[in-house]
N, C-alpha and C. Protein backbone atom coordinates (compact mmCIF):
# COMPACT_ATOMS: atom_id res chain seq x y z
N VAL A 1 7.05 118.76 194.99
CA VAL A 1 6.92 117.78 196.06
C VAL A 1 7.56 118.36 197.33
N ARG A 2 6.95 118.08 198.47
CA ARG A 2 7.49 118.53 199.75
C ARG A 2 8.05 117.33 200.51
N ILE A 3 9.23 117.52 201.08
CA ILE A 3 9.84 116.49 201.91
C ILE A 3 9.40 116.75 203.36
N LEU A 4 8.83 115.71 203.98
CA LEU A 4 8.32 115.82 205.35
C LEU A 4 9.14 114.98 206.31
N ASP A 5 9.19 115.42 207.55
CA ASP A 5 9.72 114.55 208.60
C ASP A 5 8.61 113.61 209.05
N THR A 6 8.88 112.79 210.02
CA THR A 6 7.86 111.88 210.56
C THR A 6 7.71 112.16 212.05
N ARG A 7 6.89 111.36 212.70
CA ARG A 7 6.67 111.53 214.13
C ARG A 7 7.81 110.95 214.95
N LYS A 8 8.76 110.30 214.31
CA LYS A 8 9.85 109.61 215.02
C LYS A 8 10.94 110.60 215.40
N THR A 9 10.86 111.07 216.64
CA THR A 9 11.84 112.02 217.14
C THR A 9 12.41 111.52 218.46
N THR A 10 13.48 112.15 218.89
CA THR A 10 14.12 111.81 220.16
C THR A 10 13.30 112.39 221.32
N PRO A 11 13.02 111.60 222.35
CA PRO A 11 12.27 112.13 223.49
C PRO A 11 12.91 113.41 224.03
N HIS A 12 12.06 114.40 224.28
CA HIS A 12 12.44 115.69 224.85
C HIS A 12 13.19 116.60 223.86
N LEU A 13 13.44 116.13 222.65
CA LEU A 13 14.14 116.95 221.67
C LEU A 13 13.29 117.24 220.43
N ARG A 14 12.02 116.87 220.48
CA ARG A 14 11.14 117.02 219.31
C ARG A 14 11.17 118.43 218.74
N PHE A 15 10.99 119.44 219.60
CA PHE A 15 10.94 120.82 219.14
C PHE A 15 12.21 121.18 218.37
N LEU A 16 13.36 120.84 218.92
CA LEU A 16 14.63 121.17 218.27
C LEU A 16 14.82 120.40 216.97
N GLU A 17 14.47 119.12 216.97
CA GLU A 17 14.63 118.32 215.75
C GLU A 17 13.71 118.80 214.64
N LYS A 18 12.49 119.16 214.99
CA LYS A 18 11.56 119.65 213.98
C LYS A 18 11.98 121.04 213.49
N TYR A 19 12.54 121.84 214.36
CA TYR A 19 13.08 123.14 213.96
C TYR A 19 14.23 122.94 212.97
N ALA A 20 15.10 122.00 213.25
CA ALA A 20 16.23 121.71 212.36
C ALA A 20 15.74 121.26 210.98
N VAL A 21 14.69 120.47 210.95
CA VAL A 21 14.11 120.03 209.67
C VAL A 21 13.66 121.25 208.86
N ARG A 22 12.96 122.18 209.50
CA ARG A 22 12.50 123.39 208.80
C ARG A 22 13.67 124.24 208.34
N MET A 23 14.70 124.37 209.18
CA MET A 23 15.86 125.17 208.80
C MET A 23 16.62 124.54 207.63
N GLY A 24 16.49 123.24 207.48
CA GLY A 24 17.12 122.54 206.37
C GLY A 24 16.31 122.58 205.08
N GLY A 25 15.14 123.22 205.11
CA GLY A 25 14.34 123.38 203.91
C GLY A 25 13.23 122.36 203.72
N CYS A 26 13.03 121.50 204.70
CA CYS A 26 11.96 120.51 204.62
C CYS A 26 10.78 120.97 205.48
N TYR A 27 9.79 120.12 205.61
CA TYR A 27 8.55 120.49 206.30
C TYR A 27 8.23 119.50 207.40
N ASN A 28 7.51 119.99 208.41
CA ASN A 28 7.04 119.12 209.49
C ASN A 28 5.68 118.56 209.13
N TYR A 29 5.53 117.26 209.32
CA TYR A 29 4.24 116.62 209.04
C TYR A 29 3.23 116.99 210.12
N ARG A 30 3.59 116.75 211.35
CA ARG A 30 2.74 117.12 212.48
C ARG A 30 3.62 117.19 213.72
N ASP A 31 3.19 118.00 214.68
CA ASP A 31 3.98 118.17 215.89
C ASP A 31 3.65 117.14 216.96
N SER A 32 2.41 116.67 216.96
CA SER A 32 2.01 115.69 217.97
C SER A 32 0.88 114.83 217.42
N LEU A 33 0.49 113.84 218.19
CA LEU A 33 -0.60 112.96 217.78
C LEU A 33 -1.94 113.69 217.71
N SER A 34 -2.03 114.86 218.32
CA SER A 34 -3.30 115.60 218.34
C SER A 34 -3.47 116.54 217.15
N ASP A 35 -2.49 116.63 216.26
CA ASP A 35 -2.56 117.56 215.14
C ASP A 35 -3.31 117.03 213.93
N TRP A 36 -3.36 115.72 213.78
CA TRP A 36 -3.82 115.14 212.52
C TRP A 36 -4.08 113.66 212.80
N PHE A 37 -5.12 113.11 212.21
CA PHE A 37 -5.37 111.67 212.35
C PHE A 37 -4.51 110.90 211.35
N MET A 38 -3.90 109.84 211.82
CA MET A 38 -3.15 108.96 210.92
C MET A 38 -3.63 107.53 211.16
N ILE A 39 -4.23 106.96 210.14
CA ILE A 39 -4.71 105.58 210.21
C ILE A 39 -3.60 104.68 209.69
N LYS A 40 -2.97 103.95 210.60
CA LYS A 40 -1.83 103.09 210.26
C LYS A 40 -2.28 101.64 210.11
N ASP A 41 -1.35 100.78 209.73
CA ASP A 41 -1.66 99.37 209.48
C ASP A 41 -2.27 98.68 210.69
N ASN A 42 -1.79 99.00 211.89
CA ASN A 42 -2.37 98.38 213.10
C ASN A 42 -3.83 98.77 213.30
N HIS A 43 -4.16 100.03 212.99
CA HIS A 43 -5.55 100.47 213.11
C HIS A 43 -6.42 99.73 212.08
N ILE A 44 -5.89 99.61 210.87
CA ILE A 44 -6.62 98.93 209.80
C ILE A 44 -6.86 97.47 210.18
N ASN A 45 -5.82 96.82 210.70
CA ASN A 45 -5.96 95.42 211.12
C ASN A 45 -6.98 95.28 212.25
N ALA A 46 -6.91 96.19 213.24
CA ALA A 46 -7.82 96.12 214.39
C ALA A 46 -9.27 96.37 214.00
N CYS A 47 -9.49 97.19 212.98
CA CYS A 47 -10.85 97.52 212.56
C CYS A 47 -11.40 96.55 211.52
N GLY A 48 -10.55 95.69 211.00
CA GLY A 48 -11.03 94.73 210.00
C GLY A 48 -11.01 95.25 208.58
N GLY A 49 -10.18 96.24 208.31
CA GLY A 49 -10.05 96.73 206.94
C GLY A 49 -9.98 98.24 206.87
N VAL A 50 -9.57 98.72 205.71
CA VAL A 50 -9.40 100.15 205.48
C VAL A 50 -10.72 100.90 205.64
N ALA A 51 -11.77 100.40 205.02
CA ALA A 51 -13.07 101.08 205.06
C ALA A 51 -13.56 101.25 206.50
N ASN A 52 -13.49 100.19 207.27
CA ASN A 52 -13.95 100.27 208.67
C ASN A 52 -13.11 101.25 209.48
N ALA A 53 -11.81 101.27 209.24
CA ALA A 53 -10.93 102.18 209.97
C ALA A 53 -11.26 103.64 209.65
N ILE A 54 -11.47 103.93 208.38
CA ILE A 54 -11.83 105.30 207.98
C ILE A 54 -13.16 105.69 208.62
N LYS A 55 -14.13 104.80 208.56
CA LYS A 55 -15.46 105.09 209.13
C LYS A 55 -15.38 105.34 210.63
N GLU A 56 -14.55 104.57 211.33
CA GLU A 56 -14.39 104.76 212.78
C GLU A 56 -13.79 106.12 213.10
N VAL A 57 -12.78 106.53 212.34
CA VAL A 57 -12.16 107.83 212.58
C VAL A 57 -13.16 108.94 212.28
N LYS A 58 -13.91 108.81 211.19
CA LYS A 58 -14.91 109.83 210.85
C LYS A 58 -15.97 109.93 211.95
N ARG A 59 -16.41 108.78 212.48
CA ARG A 59 -17.40 108.77 213.55
C ARG A 59 -16.84 109.49 214.78
N TYR A 60 -15.61 109.15 215.17
CA TYR A 60 -14.96 109.77 216.32
C TYR A 60 -14.82 111.28 216.10
N GLN A 61 -14.43 111.65 214.90
CA GLN A 61 -14.24 113.05 214.56
C GLN A 61 -15.56 113.83 214.74
N GLN A 62 -16.65 113.27 214.24
CA GLN A 62 -17.95 113.93 214.34
C GLN A 62 -18.44 113.99 215.78
N GLU A 63 -18.29 112.90 216.52
CA GLU A 63 -18.73 112.87 217.92
C GLU A 63 -18.00 113.91 218.77
N ASN A 64 -16.75 114.17 218.44
CA ASN A 64 -15.92 115.08 219.23
C ASN A 64 -15.72 116.43 218.56
N GLN A 65 -16.45 116.68 217.50
CA GLN A 65 -16.40 117.95 216.76
C GLN A 65 -14.97 118.37 216.44
N LEU A 66 -14.23 117.45 215.85
CA LEU A 66 -12.84 117.70 215.48
C LEU A 66 -12.74 117.91 213.97
N GLU A 67 -12.02 118.93 213.60
CA GLU A 67 -11.81 119.20 212.18
C GLU A 67 -10.32 119.07 211.87
N LEU A 68 -9.85 117.84 211.91
CA LEU A 68 -8.44 117.55 211.65
C LEU A 68 -8.32 116.75 210.36
N GLY A 69 -7.19 116.88 209.70
CA GLY A 69 -6.95 116.07 208.52
C GLY A 69 -6.82 114.60 208.87
N ILE A 70 -7.04 113.76 207.87
CA ILE A 70 -6.92 112.31 208.06
C ILE A 70 -6.02 111.75 206.97
N THR A 71 -4.96 111.07 207.40
CA THR A 71 -4.12 110.32 206.48
C THR A 71 -4.43 108.85 206.68
N VAL A 72 -4.62 108.13 205.58
CA VAL A 72 -4.81 106.69 205.65
C VAL A 72 -3.62 106.02 204.95
N GLU A 73 -2.97 105.13 205.67
CA GLU A 73 -1.83 104.39 205.13
C GLU A 73 -2.36 103.17 204.37
N VAL A 74 -1.85 102.96 203.16
CA VAL A 74 -2.19 101.75 202.41
C VAL A 74 -0.90 101.04 202.04
N ARG A 75 -0.98 99.71 202.01
CA ARG A 75 0.21 98.89 201.76
C ARG A 75 0.23 98.27 200.37
N ASN A 76 -0.87 98.40 199.64
CA ASN A 76 -0.96 97.81 198.31
C ASN A 76 -2.10 98.46 197.54
N LEU A 77 -2.24 98.08 196.27
CA LEU A 77 -3.28 98.69 195.44
C LEU A 77 -4.69 98.28 195.85
N VAL A 78 -4.84 97.10 196.42
CA VAL A 78 -6.16 96.66 196.90
C VAL A 78 -6.63 97.59 198.01
N GLU A 79 -5.75 97.87 198.98
CA GLU A 79 -6.12 98.80 200.06
C GLU A 79 -6.35 100.21 199.53
N LEU A 80 -5.57 100.61 198.53
CA LEU A 80 -5.77 101.93 197.93
C LEU A 80 -7.17 102.04 197.34
N HIS A 81 -7.57 101.03 196.57
CA HIS A 81 -8.90 101.05 195.96
C HIS A 81 -10.00 101.06 197.02
N GLU A 82 -9.79 100.33 198.11
CA GLU A 82 -10.76 100.32 199.20
C GLU A 82 -10.87 101.71 199.83
N ALA A 83 -9.74 102.36 200.03
CA ALA A 83 -9.74 103.71 200.60
C ALA A 83 -10.44 104.69 199.66
N LEU A 84 -10.12 104.62 198.38
CA LEU A 84 -10.73 105.54 197.42
C LEU A 84 -12.23 105.32 197.32
N HIS A 85 -12.66 104.09 197.40
CA HIS A 85 -14.09 103.78 197.35
C HIS A 85 -14.81 104.31 198.60
N THR A 86 -14.14 104.28 199.74
CA THR A 86 -14.73 104.75 201.00
C THR A 86 -14.72 106.27 201.08
N GLY A 87 -13.60 106.90 200.70
CA GLY A 87 -13.48 108.35 200.77
C GLY A 87 -13.42 108.86 202.20
N GLY A 88 -13.54 110.19 202.35
CA GLY A 88 -13.61 110.78 203.67
C GLY A 88 -12.29 111.04 204.35
N PHE A 89 -11.19 111.04 203.62
CA PHE A 89 -9.88 111.31 204.21
C PHE A 89 -9.23 112.45 203.44
N THR A 90 -8.07 112.89 203.92
CA THR A 90 -7.37 114.03 203.32
C THR A 90 -6.21 113.58 202.44
N ARG A 91 -5.45 112.62 202.96
CA ARG A 91 -4.22 112.19 202.29
C ARG A 91 -4.09 110.68 202.36
N VAL A 92 -3.55 110.11 201.30
CA VAL A 92 -3.26 108.68 201.29
C VAL A 92 -1.75 108.49 201.33
N MET A 93 -1.29 107.72 202.30
CA MET A 93 0.13 107.42 202.44
C MET A 93 0.40 106.07 201.79
N LEU A 94 1.23 106.09 200.77
CA LEU A 94 1.60 104.89 200.02
C LEU A 94 2.86 104.33 200.66
N ASP A 95 2.69 103.30 201.47
CA ASP A 95 3.78 102.81 202.32
C ASP A 95 4.56 101.68 201.66
N ASN A 96 5.85 101.90 201.49
CA ASN A 96 6.77 100.90 200.94
C ASN A 96 6.39 100.43 199.54
N PHE A 97 5.86 101.33 198.72
CA PHE A 97 5.54 101.00 197.34
C PHE A 97 6.80 101.09 196.49
N GLU A 98 7.02 100.11 195.64
CA GLU A 98 8.11 100.19 194.65
C GLU A 98 7.74 101.27 193.64
N ILE A 99 8.74 101.82 192.94
CA ILE A 99 8.52 102.94 192.03
C ILE A 99 7.41 102.68 191.00
N PRO A 100 7.40 101.54 190.30
CA PRO A 100 6.32 101.33 189.32
C PRO A 100 4.92 101.33 189.96
N LEU A 101 4.79 100.72 191.14
CA LEU A 101 3.49 100.72 191.83
C LEU A 101 3.13 102.11 192.35
N LEU A 102 4.14 102.86 192.75
CA LEU A 102 3.92 104.23 193.21
C LEU A 102 3.35 105.08 192.08
N LYS A 103 3.93 104.96 190.89
CA LYS A 103 3.42 105.69 189.72
C LYS A 103 1.97 105.31 189.44
N GLU A 104 1.69 104.01 189.48
CA GLU A 104 0.33 103.54 189.23
C GLU A 104 -0.64 104.06 190.29
N ALA A 105 -0.22 104.06 191.53
CA ALA A 105 -1.07 104.54 192.62
C ALA A 105 -1.37 106.03 192.47
N VAL A 106 -0.36 106.82 192.14
CA VAL A 106 -0.55 108.27 191.96
C VAL A 106 -1.53 108.51 190.82
N ALA A 107 -1.38 107.76 189.73
CA ALA A 107 -2.31 107.90 188.60
C ALA A 107 -3.72 107.50 189.00
N THR A 108 -3.85 106.47 189.82
CA THR A 108 -5.16 105.99 190.27
C THR A 108 -5.84 107.04 191.15
N VAL A 109 -5.10 107.64 192.05
CA VAL A 109 -5.66 108.69 192.93
C VAL A 109 -6.09 109.89 192.09
N ASN A 110 -5.32 110.18 191.05
CA ASN A 110 -5.68 111.22 190.07
C ASN A 110 -6.03 112.56 190.71
N LYS A 111 -5.24 112.97 191.70
CA LYS A 111 -5.36 114.27 192.38
C LYS A 111 -6.66 114.43 193.19
N LYS A 112 -7.40 113.35 193.41
CA LYS A 112 -8.62 113.44 194.24
C LYS A 112 -8.25 113.65 195.71
N TYR A 113 -7.10 113.14 196.10
CA TYR A 113 -6.60 113.27 197.47
C TYR A 113 -5.11 113.58 197.39
N GLU A 114 -4.56 114.14 198.45
CA GLU A 114 -3.11 114.32 198.54
C GLU A 114 -2.46 112.94 198.60
N THR A 115 -1.27 112.83 198.01
CA THR A 115 -0.53 111.56 198.04
C THR A 115 0.79 111.75 198.76
N GLU A 116 1.18 110.73 199.50
CA GLU A 116 2.44 110.76 200.25
C GLU A 116 3.13 109.41 200.10
N ALA A 117 4.40 109.45 199.73
CA ALA A 117 5.22 108.24 199.68
C ALA A 117 5.98 108.13 200.99
N SER A 118 6.07 106.91 201.51
CA SER A 118 6.75 106.69 202.78
C SER A 118 7.37 105.31 202.79
N GLY A 119 8.43 105.16 203.55
CA GLY A 119 9.05 103.85 203.73
C GLY A 119 10.18 103.58 202.75
N GLY A 120 11.36 103.40 203.28
CA GLY A 120 12.52 103.04 202.46
C GLY A 120 13.04 104.15 201.58
N ILE A 121 12.71 105.39 201.88
CA ILE A 121 13.15 106.51 201.04
C ILE A 121 14.42 107.09 201.65
N ASN A 122 15.40 107.31 200.79
CA ASN A 122 16.69 107.82 201.25
C ASN A 122 17.29 108.73 200.18
N ILE A 123 18.47 109.21 200.44
CA ILE A 123 19.15 110.15 199.54
C ILE A 123 19.39 109.54 198.15
N HIS A 124 19.46 108.23 198.07
CA HIS A 124 19.75 107.56 196.80
C HIS A 124 18.53 107.38 195.91
N ASN A 125 17.33 107.36 196.48
CA ASN A 125 16.14 107.12 195.65
C ASN A 125 15.08 108.22 195.72
N VAL A 126 15.32 109.26 196.48
CA VAL A 126 14.30 110.29 196.67
C VAL A 126 13.93 110.99 195.36
N ARG A 127 14.87 111.19 194.47
CA ARG A 127 14.56 111.84 193.19
C ARG A 127 13.61 110.99 192.35
N ARG A 128 13.85 109.67 192.31
CA ARG A 128 12.97 108.77 191.56
C ARG A 128 11.57 108.77 192.17
N VAL A 129 11.51 108.80 193.49
CA VAL A 129 10.20 108.85 194.17
C VAL A 129 9.49 110.16 193.81
N ALA A 130 10.20 111.27 193.84
CA ALA A 130 9.60 112.57 193.53
C ALA A 130 9.05 112.60 192.10
N LYS A 131 9.73 111.95 191.19
CA LYS A 131 9.29 111.94 189.78
C LYS A 131 8.01 111.14 189.54
N THR A 132 7.54 110.40 190.54
CA THR A 132 6.29 109.65 190.38
C THR A 132 5.07 110.56 190.44
N GLY A 133 5.26 111.78 190.94
CA GLY A 133 4.15 112.72 191.02
C GLY A 133 3.49 112.83 192.38
N VAL A 134 4.05 112.17 193.41
CA VAL A 134 3.47 112.28 194.75
C VAL A 134 3.56 113.73 195.23
N ASP A 135 2.64 114.10 196.11
CA ASP A 135 2.64 115.45 196.67
C ASP A 135 3.65 115.61 197.79
N TYR A 136 3.83 114.54 198.57
CA TYR A 136 4.70 114.57 199.75
C TYR A 136 5.55 113.31 199.81
N ILE A 137 6.73 113.46 200.37
CA ILE A 137 7.61 112.32 200.65
C ILE A 137 8.01 112.44 202.11
N SER A 138 7.68 111.42 202.91
CA SER A 138 8.07 111.47 204.32
C SER A 138 9.31 110.61 204.54
N VAL A 139 10.26 111.18 205.27
CA VAL A 139 11.56 110.54 205.48
C VAL A 139 11.88 110.57 206.98
N GLY A 140 11.79 109.43 207.62
CA GLY A 140 12.07 109.34 209.05
C GLY A 140 13.51 109.66 209.39
N ALA A 141 14.42 109.41 208.44
CA ALA A 141 15.84 109.64 208.70
C ALA A 141 16.16 111.11 208.96
N LEU A 142 15.25 112.02 208.60
CA LEU A 142 15.50 113.44 208.88
C LEU A 142 15.64 113.70 210.37
N THR A 143 15.00 112.86 211.19
CA THR A 143 15.10 113.06 212.64
C THR A 143 15.71 111.87 213.36
N HIS A 144 15.45 110.65 212.93
CA HIS A 144 15.92 109.52 213.74
C HIS A 144 17.28 108.96 213.33
N SER A 145 17.87 109.44 212.25
CA SER A 145 19.17 108.91 211.84
C SER A 145 20.21 110.00 211.59
N VAL A 146 20.02 111.11 212.24
CA VAL A 146 20.94 112.23 212.05
C VAL A 146 22.26 111.95 212.75
N GLN A 147 23.34 112.26 212.06
CA GLN A 147 24.66 112.12 212.67
C GLN A 147 25.06 113.48 213.23
N SER A 148 25.36 113.52 214.50
CA SER A 148 25.73 114.78 215.15
C SER A 148 27.09 115.25 214.69
N LEU A 149 27.24 116.56 214.66
CA LEU A 149 28.51 117.17 214.35
C LEU A 149 29.42 117.02 215.57
N ASP A 150 30.62 116.56 215.37
CA ASP A 150 31.56 116.33 216.47
C ASP A 150 32.34 117.62 216.73
N LEU A 151 31.96 118.32 217.78
CA LEU A 151 32.61 119.57 218.16
C LEU A 151 33.21 119.43 219.55
N SER A 152 34.30 120.12 219.76
CA SER A 152 34.86 120.16 221.10
C SER A 152 35.50 121.52 221.32
N LEU A 153 35.72 121.85 222.56
CA LEU A 153 36.33 123.12 222.92
C LEU A 153 37.61 122.82 223.68
N LYS A 154 38.69 123.36 223.20
CA LYS A 154 39.99 123.14 223.84
C LYS A 154 40.37 124.39 224.64
N ILE A 155 40.83 124.18 225.85
CA ILE A 155 41.33 125.27 226.68
C ILE A 155 42.84 125.33 226.48
N ILE A 156 43.32 126.51 226.12
CA ILE A 156 44.77 126.65 225.89
C ILE A 156 45.39 127.70 226.80
């Protein structure tokens, strides 16, 4: 399993924060909104469902001759089944799934698409999440909750 950062970075410090993530042994999900399509809950709501959102992104992709990956976020097993029935994406992001549902979702996807766990993942539960079989785990705290090292220089 690979641990990924998220798009949540400090303004003007993205490059440095993403570099720090890589130096710490984790991976960058994407550097900007132009690297990869991500269909989030707001897009799904605006389009009237998972299937419509995926179809809209695919249409846009074809019209603009873009060959970028597509992640579709799902919030429950119903949305997961809708996404799997529609197809046409690269990765499914399982957002805020409890461990038992995460295991079920990974089994349902059955390696047809990349799987990513997201939401509520921290140092205390990341191992349990990894054991579900997901391909990726995204952790926003890698960039947005970092505690700075307190350094000072004394003149003597």
